[in-house]
């Protein structure tokens, strides 16, 4: 994404702990301008980290709406 959106930024929107299991959820938002255009792209998602008894990360998942992101990028291609 650094090549596609040189001015990109990730903003943490929230940090949550799960009580029923050892896990952390980090909600975030991505924004940036597509290189060579003035088209802004923004989307959000979350990272889920599951911790083991040893305190280390045992599983990691990054969740976001892939189709939405592709549609935003495709729309920008059509605007050139």
N, C-alpha and C. Protein backbone atom coordinates (compact mmCIF):
# COMPACT_ATOMS: atom_id res chain seq x y z
N UNK A 1 0.81 -1.19 0.00
CA UNK A 1 0.00 0.00 0.00
C UNK A 1 0.86 1.26 0.00
N UNK A 2 2.09 1.14 0.47
CA UNK A 2 2.96 2.32 0.49
C UNK A 2 3.24 2.84 -0.92
N UNK A 3 3.30 1.94 -1.91
CA UNK A 3 3.50 2.37 -3.29
C UNK A 3 2.20 2.92 -3.88
N UNK A 4 1.07 2.28 -3.54
CA UNK A 4 -0.22 2.70 -4.09
C UNK A 4 -0.68 4.02 -3.47
N UNK A 5 -0.41 4.21 -2.19
CA UNK A 5 -0.82 5.43 -1.47
C UNK A 5 0.36 5.95 -0.66
N UNK A 6 1.24 6.74 -1.27
CA UNK A 6 2.44 7.20 -0.57
C UNK A 6 2.17 7.99 0.72
N UNK A 7 1.02 8.63 0.82
CA UNK A 7 0.71 9.42 2.02
C UNK A 7 -0.20 8.67 2.99
N UNK A 8 -0.18 7.34 2.93
CA UNK A 8 -1.12 6.55 3.73
C UNK A 8 -0.91 6.75 5.23
N UNK A 9 -1.98 6.46 5.98
CA UNK A 9 -1.87 6.45 7.43
C UNK A 9 -2.83 5.41 8.00
N UNK A 10 -2.41 4.81 9.08
CA UNK A 10 -3.27 3.92 9.85
C UNK A 10 -3.56 4.64 11.16
N UNK A 11 -4.82 4.70 11.53
CA UNK A 11 -5.22 5.33 12.78
C UNK A 11 -5.88 4.28 13.66
N UNK A 12 -5.40 4.13 14.87
CA UNK A 12 -6.04 3.19 15.80
C UNK A 12 -7.35 3.81 16.28
N UNK A 13 -8.43 3.07 16.12
CA UNK A 13 -9.74 3.55 16.51
C UNK A 13 -10.16 3.00 17.88
N UNK A 14 -9.56 1.91 18.27
CA UNK A 14 -9.90 1.33 19.56
C UNK A 14 -9.00 0.15 19.89
N UNK A 15 -8.93 -0.16 21.15
CA UNK A 15 -8.15 -1.29 21.65
C UNK A 15 -9.01 -1.99 22.69
N UNK A 16 -9.29 -3.27 22.46
CA UNK A 16 -10.23 -3.98 23.32
C UNK A 16 -9.64 -5.31 23.76
N UNK A 17 -9.90 -5.68 25.00
CA UNK A 17 -9.50 -6.97 25.52
C UNK A 17 -10.71 -7.86 25.66
N UNK A 18 -10.54 -9.15 25.38
CA UNK A 18 -11.62 -10.10 25.56
C UNK A 18 -11.46 -10.79 26.90
N UNK A 19 -12.54 -10.88 27.63
CA UNK A 19 -12.46 -11.46 28.96
C UNK A 19 -12.62 -12.98 28.94
N UNK A 20 -13.35 -13.50 27.97
CA UNK A 20 -13.61 -14.93 27.95
C UNK A 20 -12.41 -15.75 27.47
N UNK A 21 -11.48 -15.11 26.80
CA UNK A 21 -10.24 -15.78 26.37
C UNK A 21 -9.13 -14.75 26.29
N UNK A 22 -7.92 -15.22 26.15
CA UNK A 22 -6.77 -14.31 26.08
C UNK A 22 -6.65 -13.76 24.66
N UNK A 23 -7.30 -12.61 24.45
CA UNK A 23 -7.26 -12.03 23.11
C UNK A 23 -7.37 -10.52 23.18
N UNK A 24 -6.83 -9.87 22.14
CA UNK A 24 -6.86 -8.42 22.03
C UNK A 24 -7.38 -8.09 20.63
N UNK A 25 -8.21 -7.07 20.54
CA UNK A 25 -8.73 -6.60 19.26
C UNK A 25 -8.30 -5.15 19.08
N UNK A 26 -7.69 -4.85 17.95
CA UNK A 26 -7.28 -3.49 17.64
C UNK A 26 -8.08 -3.04 16.41
N UNK A 27 -8.96 -2.06 16.59
CA UNK A 27 -9.74 -1.51 15.48
C UNK A 27 -8.94 -0.37 14.87
N UNK A 28 -8.92 -0.29 13.52
CA UNK A 28 -8.10 0.70 12.84
C UNK A 28 -8.80 1.23 11.60
N UNK A 29 -8.28 2.34 11.09
CA UNK A 29 -8.76 2.93 9.84
C UNK A 29 -7.55 3.26 8.98
N UNK A 30 -7.65 2.94 7.70
CA UNK A 30 -6.61 3.26 6.71
C UNK A 30 -7.12 4.40 5.86
N UNK A 31 -6.25 5.33 5.53
CA UNK A 31 -6.60 6.38 4.57
C UNK A 31 -5.35 6.79 3.81
N UNK A 32 -5.57 7.20 2.57
CA UNK A 32 -4.46 7.64 1.75
C UNK A 32 -4.95 8.08 0.38
N UNK A 33 -4.09 8.75 -0.34
CA UNK A 33 -4.40 9.21 -1.70
C UNK A 33 -3.66 8.31 -2.68
N UNK A 34 -4.39 7.79 -3.67
CA UNK A 34 -3.76 6.93 -4.66
C UNK A 34 -2.70 7.70 -5.44
N UNK A 35 -1.56 7.08 -5.62
CA UNK A 35 -0.43 7.71 -6.32
C UNK A 35 -0.86 8.17 -7.71
N UNK A 36 -0.48 9.39 -8.05
CA UNK A 36 -0.76 9.94 -9.36
C UNK A 36 -2.18 10.44 -9.56
N UNK A 37 -2.99 10.41 -8.48
CA UNK A 37 -4.38 10.88 -8.57
C UNK A 37 -4.67 11.76 -7.36
N UNK A 38 -5.88 12.30 -7.31
CA UNK A 38 -6.32 13.00 -6.11
C UNK A 38 -7.42 12.20 -5.42
N UNK A 39 -7.51 10.91 -5.73
CA UNK A 39 -8.55 10.04 -5.19
C UNK A 39 -8.18 9.52 -3.80
N UNK A 40 -8.98 9.85 -2.79
CA UNK A 40 -8.78 9.36 -1.43
C UNK A 40 -9.41 7.99 -1.26
N UNK A 41 -8.70 7.12 -0.60
CA UNK A 41 -9.20 5.79 -0.29
C UNK A 41 -9.22 5.65 1.23
N UNK A 42 -10.34 5.22 1.77
CA UNK A 42 -10.46 5.00 3.21
C UNK A 42 -11.22 3.71 3.46
N UNK A 43 -10.74 2.94 4.41
CA UNK A 43 -11.47 1.74 4.85
C UNK A 43 -11.03 1.41 6.27
N UNK A 44 -11.78 0.54 6.92
CA UNK A 44 -11.46 0.18 8.29
C UNK A 44 -11.44 -1.34 8.44
N UNK A 45 -10.87 -1.76 9.53
CA UNK A 45 -10.79 -3.19 9.82
C UNK A 45 -10.35 -3.39 11.25
N UNK A 46 -10.01 -4.62 11.56
CA UNK A 46 -9.47 -4.88 12.90
C UNK A 46 -8.47 -6.02 12.86
N UNK A 47 -7.55 -5.98 13.80
CA UNK A 47 -6.57 -7.04 14.00
C UNK A 47 -6.95 -7.76 15.28
N UNK A 48 -6.97 -9.07 15.20
CA UNK A 48 -7.28 -9.89 16.38
C UNK A 48 -6.07 -10.74 16.72
N UNK A 49 -5.61 -10.60 17.94
CA UNK A 49 -4.44 -11.32 18.41
C UNK A 49 -4.85 -12.22 19.57
N UNK A 50 -4.60 -13.51 19.42
CA UNK A 50 -4.88 -14.45 20.50
C UNK A 50 -3.57 -14.80 21.19
N UNK A 51 -3.58 -14.69 22.50
CA UNK A 51 -2.36 -14.89 23.30
C UNK A 51 -2.38 -16.24 23.98
N UNK A 52 -1.23 -16.88 24.03
CA UNK A 52 -1.09 -18.14 24.73
C UNK A 52 -0.83 -17.92 26.21
N UNK A 53 -0.77 -18.99 26.95
CA UNK A 53 -0.47 -18.91 28.40
C UNK A 53 0.89 -18.27 28.64
N UNK A 54 1.79 -18.37 27.65
CA UNK A 54 3.13 -17.80 27.80
C UNK A 54 3.16 -16.31 27.49
N UNK A 55 1.99 -15.73 27.10
CA UNK A 55 1.91 -14.30 26.80
C UNK A 55 2.31 -13.95 25.38
N UNK A 56 2.71 -14.95 24.59
CA UNK A 56 3.09 -14.71 23.20
C UNK A 56 1.87 -14.82 22.29
N UNK A 57 1.96 -14.18 21.13
CA UNK A 57 0.86 -14.24 20.16
C UNK A 57 0.87 -15.62 19.50
N UNK A 58 -0.24 -16.33 19.62
CA UNK A 58 -0.36 -17.66 19.04
C UNK A 58 -1.18 -17.65 17.75
N UNK A 59 -2.03 -16.65 17.58
CA UNK A 59 -2.82 -16.54 16.35
C UNK A 59 -3.06 -15.06 16.08
N UNK A 60 -3.06 -14.72 14.80
CA UNK A 60 -3.27 -13.33 14.39
C UNK A 60 -4.18 -13.32 13.17
N UNK A 61 -5.17 -12.47 13.19
CA UNK A 61 -6.08 -12.32 12.05
C UNK A 61 -6.29 -10.84 11.78
N UNK A 62 -6.20 -10.47 10.52
CA UNK A 62 -6.51 -9.11 10.10
C UNK A 62 -7.80 -9.20 9.29
N UNK A 63 -8.83 -8.48 9.74
CA UNK A 63 -10.14 -8.54 9.10
C UNK A 63 -10.51 -7.19 8.53
N UNK A 64 -10.90 -7.19 7.26
CA UNK A 64 -11.43 -6.00 6.61
C UNK A 64 -12.25 -6.47 5.41
N UNK A 65 -13.02 -5.59 4.84
CA UNK A 65 -13.89 -5.94 3.72
C UNK A 65 -13.10 -5.85 2.42
N UNK A 66 -12.55 -6.94 1.98
CA UNK A 66 -11.67 -6.99 0.81
C UNK A 66 -12.40 -6.51 -0.44
N UNK A 67 -13.65 -6.91 -0.61
CA UNK A 67 -14.41 -6.47 -1.79
C UNK A 67 -14.62 -4.96 -1.80
N UNK A 68 -14.87 -4.39 -0.63
CA UNK A 68 -15.03 -2.95 -0.54
C UNK A 68 -13.75 -2.23 -0.95
N UNK A 69 -12.62 -2.71 -0.45
CA UNK A 69 -11.33 -2.10 -0.78
C UNK A 69 -11.08 -2.20 -2.28
N UNK A 70 -11.32 -3.36 -2.88
CA UNK A 70 -11.15 -3.50 -4.32
C UNK A 70 -12.07 -2.57 -5.09
N UNK A 71 -13.30 -2.41 -4.62
CA UNK A 71 -14.23 -1.52 -5.32
C UNK A 71 -13.74 -0.07 -5.25
N UNK A 72 -13.17 0.33 -4.12
CA UNK A 72 -12.63 1.69 -3.99
C UNK A 72 -11.45 1.88 -4.94
N UNK A 73 -10.60 0.89 -5.05
CA UNK A 73 -9.44 0.98 -5.94
C UNK A 73 -9.90 0.95 -7.41
N UNK A 74 -10.87 0.11 -7.73
CA UNK A 74 -11.39 0.01 -9.10
C UNK A 74 -12.05 1.31 -9.51
N UNK A 75 -12.80 1.92 -8.60
CA UNK A 75 -13.46 3.17 -8.90
C UNK A 75 -12.42 4.24 -9.24
N UNK A 76 -11.30 4.21 -8.52
CA UNK A 76 -10.24 5.18 -8.77
C UNK A 76 -9.63 4.96 -10.16
N UNK A 77 -9.48 3.68 -10.58
CA UNK A 77 -8.92 3.40 -11.90
C UNK A 77 -9.83 3.96 -12.99
N UNK A 78 -11.13 3.89 -12.79
CA UNK A 78 -12.08 4.39 -13.76
C UNK A 78 -12.09 5.91 -13.87
N UNK A 79 -11.56 6.59 -12.86
CA UNK A 79 -11.56 8.05 -12.84
C UNK A 79 -10.37 8.67 -13.56
N UNK A 80 -9.39 7.84 -13.93
CA UNK A 80 -8.18 8.37 -14.58
C UNK A 80 -8.46 8.96 -15.93
